[in-house]
């Protein structure tokens, strides 16, 4: 009788360990690289859309998740679009992740004039851009300066233009550095919402 109980217990422990290992494999090798990932907002550069210590979920599937240790991507649902809040690998330090709003697409001319962003000499009219006063700061946003976004790159800005380290200072985000679209704040509970 004791042997049967011991054998059954061993079998149940083994099944539990196998299930836990399988779940960890799915989470680490499929869900995190290709579907969703969580991030914590470290600075106020995206205020008031995102504030320090917000915990967010980033949709990697929408643009196509990167295959680890390669430059290849899975097929995505769509390309990044103007206005998307994106998480990307910081071009000047591959160990850091940044989050900003996508402003300029490949081949477009970007200019910041009188607090507004102009794309190809036309002001952005979407309400998300009209709520923000954009400052002429950095080497890529001087008064009267027009910047052309290179192929396979993006121009990004923080929603808190007064204190955001963004494309105005360090340049463009290579398309391959984009990890995904920030789509939901899940913590703290009072800030839980879809990100626009």
Protein backbone atom coordinates (compact mmCIF):
# COMPACT_ATOMS: atom_id res chain seq x y z
CA UNK A 1 0.00 0.00 0.00
CA UNK A 2 2.80 2.42 0.96
CA UNK A 3 4.63 1.61 -2.27
CA UNK A 4 1.50 2.46 -4.32
CA UNK A 5 1.03 5.78 -2.54
CA UNK A 6 4.71 6.60 -2.96
CA UNK A 7 4.56 5.67 -6.66
CA UNK A 8 1.40 7.73 -7.20
CA UNK A 9 2.92 10.71 -5.38
CA UNK A 10 6.09 10.44 -7.48
CA UNK A 11 3.97 10.34 -10.62
CA UNK A 12 1.96 13.42 -9.60
CA UNK A 13 5.14 15.37 -8.72
CA UNK A 14 6.65 14.43 -12.06
CA UNK A 15 3.49 15.54 -13.92
CA UNK A 16 3.51 18.84 -12.02
CA UNK A 17 7.19 19.47 -12.84
CA UNK A 18 6.63 18.61 -16.52
CA UNK A 19 3.62 20.95 -16.69
CA UNK A 20 5.56 23.75 -14.96
CA UNK A 21 8.52 23.33 -17.32
CA UNK A 22 6.21 23.32 -20.34
CA UNK A 23 4.44 26.48 -19.10
CA UNK A 24 7.79 28.19 -18.51
CA UNK A 25 8.93 27.19 -22.01
CA UNK A 26 5.75 28.60 -23.56
CA UNK A 27 6.06 31.84 -21.57
CA UNK A 28 9.77 32.40 -22.22
CA UNK A 29 10.08 31.06 -25.76
CA UNK A 30 6.74 31.94 -27.36
CA UNK A 31 4.63 34.47 -25.41
CA UNK A 32 7.37 36.92 -24.34
CA UNK A 33 9.34 37.12 -27.62
CA UNK A 34 6.40 36.99 -30.03
CA UNK A 35 3.11 37.97 -28.37
CA UNK A 36 3.20 40.27 -25.30
CA UNK A 37 5.69 41.58 -22.76
CA UNK A 38 5.34 43.73 -19.67
CA UNK A 39 7.36 46.87 -18.92
CA UNK A 40 7.59 49.39 -16.08
CA UNK A 41 7.68 53.09 -16.96
CA UNK A 42 10.88 54.52 -15.41
CA UNK A 43 10.59 58.26 -16.20
CA UNK A 44 8.09 61.04 -16.82
CA UNK A 45 8.96 61.49 -20.52
CA UNK A 46 5.50 60.26 -21.59
CA UNK A 47 3.44 62.20 -19.04
CA UNK A 48 0.43 62.34 -18.88
CA UNK A 49 -0.21 59.37 -21.14
CA UNK A 50 2.10 57.25 -18.99
CA UNK A 51 3.57 58.14 -15.62
CA UNK A 52 6.45 56.79 -13.56
CA UNK A 53 5.86 53.27 -12.20
CA UNK A 54 2.93 52.47 -14.53
CA UNK A 55 3.10 48.81 -15.50
CA UNK A 56 2.14 48.26 -19.11
CA UNK A 57 1.54 45.42 -21.55
CA UNK A 58 3.22 45.71 -24.94
CA UNK A 59 1.73 43.94 -27.96
CA UNK A 60 4.61 42.43 -29.95
CA UNK A 61 2.40 40.38 -32.23
CA UNK A 62 0.93 43.44 -33.98
CA UNK A 63 4.23 44.37 -35.71
CA UNK A 64 5.67 40.84 -35.75
CA UNK A 65 7.79 39.62 -32.87
CA UNK A 66 11.56 39.49 -33.29
CA UNK A 67 13.13 36.06 -33.40
CA UNK A 68 15.66 36.04 -30.52
CA UNK A 69 19.36 36.36 -31.42
CA UNK A 70 18.55 37.26 -35.05
CA UNK A 71 17.41 40.28 -37.08
CA UNK A 72 14.39 38.35 -38.39
CA UNK A 73 10.76 38.98 -37.51
CA UNK A 74 7.59 36.97 -37.58
CA UNK A 75 4.92 38.37 -39.91
CA UNK A 76 2.93 41.14 -38.20
CA UNK A 77 -0.64 42.35 -38.53
CA UNK A 78 0.43 45.83 -39.62
CA UNK A 79 3.31 48.30 -39.77
CA UNK A 80 3.82 50.90 -37.02
CA UNK A 81 1.64 53.98 -37.60
CA UNK A 82 1.88 57.63 -36.64
CA UNK A 83 0.50 58.12 -33.15
CA UNK A 84 1.35 54.62 -31.91
CA UNK A 85 3.10 54.53 -28.55
CA UNK A 86 5.99 52.15 -29.23
CA UNK A 87 8.60 50.35 -27.15
CA UNK A 88 11.98 50.00 -28.82
CA UNK A 89 15.62 49.24 -28.18
CA UNK A 90 17.41 52.54 -27.57
CA UNK A 91 19.73 53.09 -30.58
CA UNK A 92 22.60 54.40 -28.43
CA UNK A 93 22.55 51.59 -25.85
CA UNK A 94 21.20 48.20 -26.94
CA UNK A 95 20.63 47.19 -23.30
CA UNK A 96 17.97 49.86 -22.73
CA UNK A 97 14.32 50.01 -23.78
CA UNK A 98 12.59 53.33 -24.50
CA UNK A 99 8.94 54.20 -24.98
CA UNK A 100 7.83 57.14 -27.14
CA UNK A 101 5.11 58.20 -29.57
CA UNK A 102 5.79 57.55 -33.25
CA UNK A 103 5.67 60.84 -35.17
CA UNK A 104 7.56 60.55 -38.46
CA UNK A 105 7.51 57.65 -40.92
CA UNK A 106 10.23 56.69 -43.42
CA UNK A 107 10.73 59.33 -46.13
CA UNK A 108 8.68 62.03 -44.37
CA UNK A 109 9.96 65.50 -43.52
CA UNK A 110 9.50 66.47 -39.86
CA UNK A 111 9.61 70.02 -38.49
CA UNK A 112 8.70 71.44 -35.09
CA UNK A 113 7.34 74.96 -35.46
CA UNK A 114 5.52 77.15 -32.92
CA UNK A 115 4.95 74.17 -30.63
CA UNK A 116 3.39 71.98 -33.34
CA UNK A 117 4.74 69.11 -35.41
CA UNK A 118 4.62 69.46 -39.18
CA UNK A 119 4.87 66.45 -41.47
CA UNK A 120 5.70 67.29 -45.10
CA UNK A 121 4.87 70.97 -44.32
CA UNK A 122 1.37 70.17 -42.97
CA UNK A 123 0.59 70.40 -39.22
CA UNK A 124 -0.54 67.23 -37.48
CA UNK A 125 -4.25 67.64 -36.82
CA UNK A 126 -5.06 64.56 -34.72
CA UNK A 127 -6.21 65.55 -31.22
CA UNK A 128 -3.45 63.48 -29.55
CA UNK A 129 -0.85 65.84 -31.05
CA UNK A 130 -2.80 69.06 -30.44
CA UNK A 131 -2.74 68.56 -26.65
CA UNK A 132 1.06 68.78 -26.56
CA UNK A 133 3.37 71.75 -27.00
CA UNK A 134 6.51 70.45 -28.71
CA UNK A 135 9.74 72.28 -27.91
CA UNK A 136 12.59 73.00 -30.32
CA UNK A 137 15.32 71.17 -28.42
CA UNK A 138 18.27 69.06 -29.52
CA UNK A 139 20.26 68.84 -32.74
CA UNK A 140 17.32 67.41 -34.72
CA UNK A 141 14.65 69.98 -33.88
CA UNK A 142 16.13 73.44 -34.18
CA UNK A 143 13.83 76.30 -35.13
CA UNK A 144 13.32 76.24 -38.92
CA UNK A 145 15.06 72.87 -39.30
CA UNK A 146 13.42 70.16 -41.42
CA UNK A 147 14.54 66.58 -40.86
CA UNK A 148 13.98 63.79 -43.41
CA UNK A 149 13.33 60.39 -41.83
CA UNK A 150 15.62 57.78 -43.43
CA UNK A 151 14.29 54.54 -44.96
CA UNK A 152 13.39 51.84 -42.42
CA UNK A 153 13.50 54.37 -39.55
CA UNK A 154 11.11 56.38 -37.39
CA UNK A 155 11.11 59.78 -35.68
CA UNK A 156 9.71 59.57 -32.13
CA UNK A 157 8.84 62.11 -29.44
CA UNK A 158 7.86 61.89 -25.80
CA UNK A 159 4.46 63.29 -24.84
CA UNK A 160 6.20 65.34 -22.15
CA UNK A 161 8.16 67.37 -24.68
CA UNK A 162 9.79 69.59 -22.05
CA UNK A 163 11.68 66.68 -20.49
CA UNK A 164 11.95 63.85 -23.00
CA UNK A 165 15.15 62.40 -24.43
CA UNK A 166 13.90 61.48 -27.90
CA UNK A 167 14.61 61.76 -31.65
CA UNK A 168 15.24 65.49 -31.25
CA UNK A 169 18.46 64.59 -29.40
CA UNK A 170 19.70 61.21 -30.61
CA UNK A 171 18.10 60.73 -34.01
CA UNK A 172 16.01 57.96 -35.50
CA UNK A 173 14.74 54.57 -34.35
CA UNK A 174 15.70 51.81 -36.81
CA UNK A 175 12.64 49.75 -37.77
CA UNK A 176 14.37 46.62 -36.51
CA UNK A 177 14.68 48.13 -33.00
CA UNK A 178 10.89 48.39 -32.57
CA UNK A 179 9.64 45.73 -30.14
CA UNK A 180 5.92 46.45 -30.04
CA UNK A 181 2.99 48.74 -29.40
CA UNK A 182 2.15 49.76 -25.84
CA UNK A 183 -1.52 49.00 -25.48
CA UNK A 184 -2.61 48.64 -21.84
CA UNK A 185 -1.77 49.98 -18.37
CA UNK A 186 -2.50 47.15 -15.91
CA UNK A 187 -1.06 48.62 -12.70
CA UNK A 188 -1.83 50.56 -10.54
CA UNK A 189 -5.55 49.68 -10.66
CA UNK A 190 -6.73 53.30 -10.66
CA UNK A 191 -4.74 53.92 -13.89
CA UNK A 192 -5.87 50.75 -15.67
CA UNK A 193 -6.75 51.66 -19.29
CA UNK A 194 -6.03 51.20 -22.97
CA UNK A 195 -3.16 53.40 -24.15
CA UNK A 196 -3.97 55.92 -26.91
